N, C-alpha and C. Protein backbone atom coordinates (compact mmCIF):
# COMPACT_ATOMS: atom_id res chain seq x y z
N MET A 1 -40.31 -14.09 -15.67
CA MET A 1 -39.41 -15.04 -16.29
C MET A 1 -38.53 -14.29 -17.31
N THR A 2 -37.23 -14.54 -17.23
CA THR A 2 -36.33 -13.87 -18.16
C THR A 2 -36.12 -14.73 -19.39
N THR A 3 -35.95 -14.05 -20.48
CA THR A 3 -35.74 -14.77 -21.73
C THR A 3 -34.26 -15.08 -21.90
N GLN A 4 -33.98 -15.93 -22.83
CA GLN A 4 -32.59 -16.29 -23.14
C GLN A 4 -31.81 -15.04 -23.57
N LEU A 5 -32.45 -14.17 -24.31
CA LEU A 5 -31.81 -12.94 -24.76
C LEU A 5 -31.47 -12.03 -23.57
N GLU A 6 -32.37 -11.93 -22.62
CA GLU A 6 -32.12 -11.11 -21.43
C GLU A 6 -30.96 -11.66 -20.60
N ARG A 7 -30.93 -13.00 -20.46
CA ARG A 7 -29.83 -13.63 -19.72
C ARG A 7 -28.50 -13.39 -20.44
N ALA A 8 -28.51 -13.51 -21.75
CA ALA A 8 -27.29 -13.29 -22.53
C ALA A 8 -26.83 -11.84 -22.41
N GLN A 9 -27.79 -10.91 -22.44
CA GLN A 9 -27.46 -9.49 -22.29
C GLN A 9 -26.84 -9.23 -20.92
N LYS A 10 -27.40 -9.84 -19.88
CA LYS A 10 -26.88 -9.65 -18.53
C LYS A 10 -25.46 -10.22 -18.43
N GLN A 11 -25.23 -11.40 -19.00
CA GLN A 11 -23.89 -12.00 -18.97
C GLN A 11 -22.89 -11.13 -19.74
N PHE A 12 -23.35 -10.58 -20.85
CA PHE A 12 -22.50 -9.71 -21.65
C PHE A 12 -22.09 -8.48 -20.85
N GLU A 13 -23.04 -7.85 -20.18
CA GLU A 13 -22.76 -6.66 -19.37
C GLU A 13 -21.80 -6.99 -18.23
N GLN A 14 -22.00 -8.15 -17.60
CA GLN A 14 -21.10 -8.56 -16.52
C GLN A 14 -19.68 -8.81 -17.05
N ALA A 15 -19.58 -9.41 -18.21
CA ALA A 15 -18.27 -9.66 -18.81
C ALA A 15 -17.58 -8.33 -19.16
N LYS A 16 -18.34 -7.38 -19.68
CA LYS A 16 -17.77 -6.06 -19.98
C LYS A 16 -17.25 -5.39 -18.72
N ALA A 17 -17.98 -5.52 -17.63
CA ALA A 17 -17.57 -4.92 -16.35
C ALA A 17 -16.29 -5.59 -15.84
N ARG A 18 -16.20 -6.92 -15.96
CA ARG A 18 -14.98 -7.62 -15.54
C ARG A 18 -13.79 -7.20 -16.39
N LEU A 19 -13.99 -7.05 -17.68
CA LEU A 19 -12.92 -6.63 -18.57
C LEU A 19 -12.45 -5.22 -18.21
N GLN A 20 -13.37 -4.32 -17.97
CA GLN A 20 -13.01 -2.95 -17.59
C GLN A 20 -12.23 -2.94 -16.29
N LYS A 21 -12.64 -3.75 -15.33
CA LYS A 21 -11.95 -3.83 -14.05
C LYS A 21 -10.54 -4.37 -14.24
N ALA A 22 -10.38 -5.39 -15.07
CA ALA A 22 -9.05 -5.96 -15.34
C ALA A 22 -8.15 -4.94 -16.03
N ARG A 23 -8.69 -4.20 -16.98
CA ARG A 23 -7.92 -3.16 -17.66
C ARG A 23 -7.48 -2.08 -16.67
N SER A 24 -8.37 -1.71 -15.78
CA SER A 24 -8.08 -0.69 -14.78
C SER A 24 -6.96 -1.17 -13.85
N ARG A 25 -7.01 -2.43 -13.44
CA ARG A 25 -5.95 -2.98 -12.59
C ARG A 25 -4.61 -2.95 -13.31
N GLU A 26 -4.58 -3.31 -14.57
CA GLU A 26 -3.34 -3.29 -15.36
C GLU A 26 -2.80 -1.87 -15.49
N THR A 27 -3.68 -0.92 -15.73
CA THR A 27 -3.26 0.48 -15.83
C THR A 27 -2.67 0.95 -14.51
N ASP A 28 -3.31 0.60 -13.40
CA ASP A 28 -2.81 0.99 -12.08
C ASP A 28 -1.44 0.38 -11.82
N LYS A 29 -1.27 -0.90 -12.16
CA LYS A 29 0.03 -1.55 -11.96
C LYS A 29 1.12 -0.87 -12.78
N ARG A 30 0.82 -0.57 -14.02
CA ARG A 30 1.79 0.08 -14.90
C ARG A 30 2.15 1.47 -14.38
N ARG A 31 1.15 2.23 -13.93
CA ARG A 31 1.39 3.57 -13.40
C ARG A 31 2.24 3.52 -12.13
N LYS A 32 1.95 2.57 -11.24
CA LYS A 32 2.73 2.44 -10.01
C LYS A 32 4.18 2.05 -10.31
N LYS A 33 4.37 1.17 -11.27
CA LYS A 33 5.73 0.76 -11.65
C LYS A 33 6.50 1.95 -12.24
N GLU A 34 5.84 2.73 -13.07
CA GLU A 34 6.48 3.91 -13.66
C GLU A 34 6.83 4.94 -12.59
N THR A 35 5.92 5.15 -11.65
CA THR A 35 6.17 6.10 -10.57
C THR A 35 7.36 5.65 -9.72
N ARG A 36 7.43 4.37 -9.41
CA ARG A 36 8.57 3.85 -8.64
C ARG A 36 9.87 4.06 -9.39
N ALA A 37 9.87 3.81 -10.69
CA ALA A 37 11.08 4.02 -11.49
C ALA A 37 11.51 5.48 -11.46
N LYS A 38 10.55 6.39 -11.55
CA LYS A 38 10.87 7.82 -11.52
C LYS A 38 11.47 8.21 -10.17
N ILE A 39 10.92 7.69 -9.09
CA ILE A 39 11.43 7.99 -7.77
C ILE A 39 12.85 7.47 -7.61
N LEU A 40 13.08 6.24 -8.03
CA LEU A 40 14.42 5.67 -7.92
C LEU A 40 15.43 6.44 -8.77
N LEU A 41 15.05 6.79 -9.97
CA LEU A 41 15.94 7.55 -10.84
C LEU A 41 16.22 8.93 -10.27
N GLY A 42 15.20 9.58 -9.75
CA GLY A 42 15.39 10.89 -9.14
C GLY A 42 16.31 10.82 -7.93
N GLY A 43 16.16 9.79 -7.11
CA GLY A 43 17.04 9.61 -5.96
C GLY A 43 18.48 9.40 -6.39
N TRP A 44 18.66 8.61 -7.43
CA TRP A 44 20.01 8.38 -7.95
C TRP A 44 20.61 9.67 -8.48
N MET A 45 19.81 10.44 -9.20
CA MET A 45 20.31 11.71 -9.75
C MET A 45 20.70 12.68 -8.64
N LEU A 46 19.91 12.73 -7.58
CA LEU A 46 20.25 13.61 -6.46
C LEU A 46 21.53 13.14 -5.75
N ALA A 47 21.70 11.83 -5.63
CA ALA A 47 22.93 11.31 -5.02
C ALA A 47 24.13 11.67 -5.88
N GLN A 48 23.98 11.58 -7.19
CA GLN A 48 25.06 11.96 -8.11
C GLN A 48 25.39 13.45 -7.95
N ALA A 49 24.36 14.26 -7.85
CA ALA A 49 24.55 15.70 -7.72
C ALA A 49 25.26 16.03 -6.41
N LYS A 50 24.95 15.28 -5.37
CA LYS A 50 25.59 15.51 -4.07
C LYS A 50 27.07 15.14 -4.13
N ALA A 51 27.40 14.11 -4.88
CA ALA A 51 28.77 13.62 -4.94
C ALA A 51 29.64 14.36 -5.95
N ASP A 52 29.02 14.97 -6.95
CA ASP A 52 29.80 15.56 -8.05
C ASP A 52 29.25 16.94 -8.42
N PRO A 53 30.04 17.99 -8.23
CA PRO A 53 29.57 19.35 -8.55
C PRO A 53 29.16 19.51 -10.02
N ARG A 54 29.81 18.80 -10.92
CA ARG A 54 29.40 18.91 -12.34
C ARG A 54 28.02 18.31 -12.56
N SER A 55 27.74 17.21 -11.89
CA SER A 55 26.40 16.61 -11.98
C SER A 55 25.36 17.54 -11.38
N ALA A 56 25.72 18.19 -10.28
CA ALA A 56 24.79 19.13 -9.65
C ALA A 56 24.49 20.28 -10.59
N GLN A 57 25.53 20.79 -11.25
CA GLN A 57 25.32 21.90 -12.19
C GLN A 57 24.45 21.46 -13.37
N ARG A 58 24.72 20.27 -13.87
CA ARG A 58 23.91 19.75 -15.00
C ARG A 58 22.45 19.62 -14.59
N LEU A 59 22.21 19.13 -13.39
CA LEU A 59 20.84 18.99 -12.90
C LEU A 59 20.19 20.36 -12.74
N ARG A 60 20.94 21.35 -12.22
CA ARG A 60 20.40 22.72 -12.11
C ARG A 60 20.05 23.26 -13.49
N ASP A 61 20.90 22.98 -14.48
CA ASP A 61 20.62 23.44 -15.84
C ASP A 61 19.33 22.81 -16.39
N ILE A 62 19.15 21.54 -16.11
CA ILE A 62 17.94 20.85 -16.57
C ILE A 62 16.71 21.45 -15.91
N ILE A 63 16.78 21.64 -14.60
CA ILE A 63 15.65 22.17 -13.84
C ILE A 63 15.33 23.60 -14.26
N ALA A 64 16.35 24.34 -14.68
CA ALA A 64 16.13 25.72 -15.13
C ALA A 64 15.17 25.78 -16.32
N GLY A 65 15.08 24.71 -17.07
CA GLY A 65 14.17 24.66 -18.21
C GLY A 65 12.73 24.31 -17.84
N PHE A 66 12.49 23.99 -16.59
CA PHE A 66 11.15 23.64 -16.14
C PHE A 66 10.32 24.91 -15.95
N SER A 67 9.03 24.72 -15.86
CA SER A 67 8.15 25.86 -15.56
C SER A 67 8.43 26.36 -14.15
N GLU A 68 8.04 27.59 -13.88
CA GLU A 68 8.26 28.17 -12.55
C GLU A 68 7.63 27.31 -11.46
N ARG A 69 6.45 26.83 -11.73
CA ARG A 69 5.73 26.00 -10.75
C ARG A 69 6.52 24.72 -10.46
N ASP A 70 7.04 24.08 -11.51
CA ASP A 70 7.80 22.84 -11.33
C ASP A 70 9.15 23.11 -10.68
N ARG A 71 9.79 24.21 -11.04
CA ARG A 71 11.07 24.55 -10.41
C ARG A 71 10.92 24.74 -8.90
N ALA A 72 9.78 25.25 -8.49
CA ALA A 72 9.55 25.50 -7.06
C ALA A 72 9.61 24.21 -6.25
N CYS A 73 9.36 23.08 -6.85
CA CYS A 73 9.44 21.79 -6.15
C CYS A 73 10.86 21.51 -5.66
N PHE A 74 11.84 22.13 -6.27
CA PHE A 74 13.24 21.85 -5.95
C PHE A 74 13.87 22.91 -5.06
N ASP A 75 13.12 23.92 -4.65
CA ASP A 75 13.66 25.04 -3.88
C ASP A 75 14.36 24.62 -2.59
N ASP A 76 13.87 23.61 -1.92
CA ASP A 76 14.40 23.23 -0.62
C ASP A 76 15.49 22.17 -0.67
N LEU A 77 15.91 21.78 -1.85
CA LEU A 77 16.96 20.76 -1.96
C LEU A 77 18.33 21.43 -1.95
N ASP A 78 19.00 21.34 -0.82
CA ASP A 78 20.31 21.98 -0.67
C ASP A 78 21.31 21.51 -1.71
N VAL A 79 21.24 20.26 -2.09
CA VAL A 79 22.20 19.70 -3.04
C VAL A 79 22.15 20.43 -4.39
N LEU A 80 21.03 21.05 -4.69
CA LEU A 80 20.89 21.72 -5.97
C LEU A 80 21.18 23.21 -5.90
N LYS A 81 21.48 23.70 -4.71
CA LYS A 81 21.80 25.11 -4.57
C LYS A 81 23.28 25.31 -4.95
N PRO A 82 23.58 26.42 -5.57
CA PRO A 82 24.98 26.68 -5.96
C PRO A 82 25.93 26.57 -4.77
N GLU A 83 27.12 26.09 -5.02
CA GLU A 83 28.18 25.95 -4.02
C GLU A 83 27.76 25.10 -2.84
N GLY A 84 27.16 23.95 -3.13
CA GLY A 84 26.86 22.99 -2.11
C GLY A 84 25.84 23.39 -1.08
N GLY A 85 24.94 24.29 -1.44
CA GLY A 85 23.83 24.63 -0.55
C GLY A 85 23.92 25.99 0.08
N HIS A 86 24.91 26.79 -0.29
CA HIS A 86 25.03 28.15 0.26
C HIS A 86 24.71 29.14 -0.82
N GLU A 87 23.63 29.89 -0.59
CA GLU A 87 23.25 30.88 -1.60
C GLU A 87 23.89 32.21 -1.32
C-alpha cells in the first residue's frame, strides 16, 4: 500500500517530466524556426550575390573572415568565385 506522501512524490516526478518534455519541445521549435530563417536569409544573400557583383564581393569579404573550416563550406559555390565563377 502506498502512502499519500509516496503518491504525491510520484505525481511530482511525473509533472517534472511533463514540464521537461514541454520545454524540450519549445526549444526544438525555436531552433527549427531559427534554422529556417538562416536558410532563407542565406538563399537571399546568394541570389543577391548572383545578381550584383558588388554584393558578391561583399559576401566574399565576409566569408574571408570565417575560419578555414567554415570557408571550405563555400568552395563549390560558383556565385562566390571571383569574376562570376571563373578562377
